[in-house]
Amino acid sequence: MSNNSSVIEMPVSFRYRDVFLKGKPKHDKTDSFSIKHPAMDLGRRAKIFSPFDALKGFNDELAKSEQLNEDNFADNGYEDIEEYP
């Protein structure tokens, strides 16, 4: 094991080892690939993936649970305490 934590060790028999070791392709901003396929800005990329909801209804259930907890603690008769200085 090497001391460099950024190096990923993988078995020699890994099928796509040579492709992985090549790394991410680097393009000049003026080459034909970059002109044809410009990089997407993060705002637009976030907008594309924002409607994705892996757990349908999870946010609604969290809101219900939060409201129940707030109602429960609001009606218990306790007064707010000051934080310890």
Protein backbone atom coordinates (compact mmCIF):
# COMPACT_ATOMS: atom_id res chain seq x y z
CA MET A 1 0.00 0.00 0.00
CA SER A 2 1.36 3.42 -0.90
CA ASN A 3 1.42 6.46 1.34
CA ASN A 4 -0.26 8.62 -1.30
CA SER A 5 -4.01 8.55 -0.52
CA SER A 6 -4.97 9.83 -3.98
CA VAL A 7 -3.68 6.69 -5.71
CA ILE A 8 -6.33 4.05 -6.25
CA GLU A 9 -5.01 0.53 -6.27
CA MET A 10 -6.84 -2.00 -8.37
CA PRO A 11 -6.23 -5.57 -9.39
CA VAL A 12 -4.16 -6.13 -12.52
CA SER A 13 -6.99 -8.31 -13.84
CA PHE A 14 -9.47 -5.39 -13.77
CA ARG A 15 -11.06 -5.39 -17.22
CA TYR A 16 -10.99 -1.62 -17.84
CA ARG A 17 -7.80 -0.85 -15.92
CA ASP A 18 -6.02 0.79 -18.86
CA VAL A 19 -9.03 2.99 -19.66
CA PHE A 20 -9.35 4.04 -16.00
CA LEU A 21 -5.66 4.87 -15.71
CA LYS A 22 -5.86 7.21 -18.71
CA GLY A 23 -8.00 9.54 -16.62
CA LYS A 24 -10.45 12.19 -17.70
CA PRO A 25 -9.80 13.60 -21.17
CA LYS A 26 -8.54 17.17 -21.26
CA HIS A 27 -9.59 19.43 -24.09
CA ASP A 28 -8.47 22.87 -25.09
CA LYS A 29 -11.34 25.40 -25.16
CA THR A 30 -10.66 26.08 -28.82
CA ASP A 31 -10.47 22.51 -30.13
CA SER A 32 -13.28 21.10 -32.29
CA PHE A 33 -14.67 18.85 -29.54
CA SER A 34 -15.04 21.69 -27.01
CA ILE A 35 -16.63 23.95 -29.59
CA LYS A 36 -19.11 21.27 -30.58
CA HIS A 37 -19.76 20.12 -26.97
CA PRO A 38 -19.35 23.09 -24.59
CA ALA A 39 -19.28 22.42 -20.85
CA MET A 40 -22.61 22.86 -19.10
CA ASP A 41 -22.68 25.42 -16.30
CA LEU A 42 -23.50 24.11 -12.82
CA GLY A 43 -26.74 26.09 -12.53
CA ARG A 44 -28.21 24.48 -15.63
CA ARG A 45 -26.95 21.04 -14.64
CA ALA A 46 -28.55 21.39 -11.18
CA LYS A 47 -31.81 22.44 -12.81
CA ILE A 48 -31.87 19.27 -14.90
CA PHE A 49 -31.42 16.96 -11.93
CA SER A 50 -33.50 18.88 -9.36
CA PRO A 51 -36.87 17.26 -10.26
CA PHE A 52 -35.39 13.83 -9.55
CA ASP A 53 -36.89 12.52 -6.31
CA ALA A 54 -35.53 9.09 -5.44
CA LEU A 55 -37.88 8.67 -2.47
CA LYS A 56 -41.34 9.76 -3.59
CA GLY A 57 -43.25 11.37 -0.72
CA PHE A 58 -40.29 11.36 1.68
CA ASN A 59 -40.18 15.15 1.97
CA ASP A 60 -43.93 15.24 2.73
CA GLU A 61 -43.51 12.67 5.49
CA LEU A 62 -40.62 14.65 6.97
CA ALA A 63 -42.75 17.79 6.99
CA LYS A 64 -45.61 15.93 8.73
CA SER A 65 -43.25 14.48 11.34
CA GLU A 66 -41.68 17.88 11.97
CA GLN A 67 -45.10 19.49 12.40
CA LEU A 68 -46.18 16.75 14.85
CA ASN A 69 -43.03 17.25 16.91
CA GLU A 70 -43.46 21.02 16.97
CA ASP A 71 -47.10 20.66 18.03
CA ASN A 72 -46.18 18.12 20.71
CA PHE A 73 -43.44 20.27 22.24
CA ALA A 74 -45.45 23.49 21.91
CA ASP A 75 -48.34 22.07 23.98
CA ASN A 76 -46.30 20.50 26.78
CA GLY A 77 -46.32 23.58 29.03
CA TYR A 78 -42.56 23.98 29.14
CA GLU A 79 -41.07 27.40 28.84
CA ASP A 80 -38.09 28.20 26.66
CA ILE A 81 -34.83 28.17 28.57
CA GLU A 82 -31.86 30.39 27.98
CA GLU A 83 -28.80 28.81 26.49
CA TYR A 84 -25.89 28.25 28.82
CA PRO A 85 -23.45 31.15 28.38
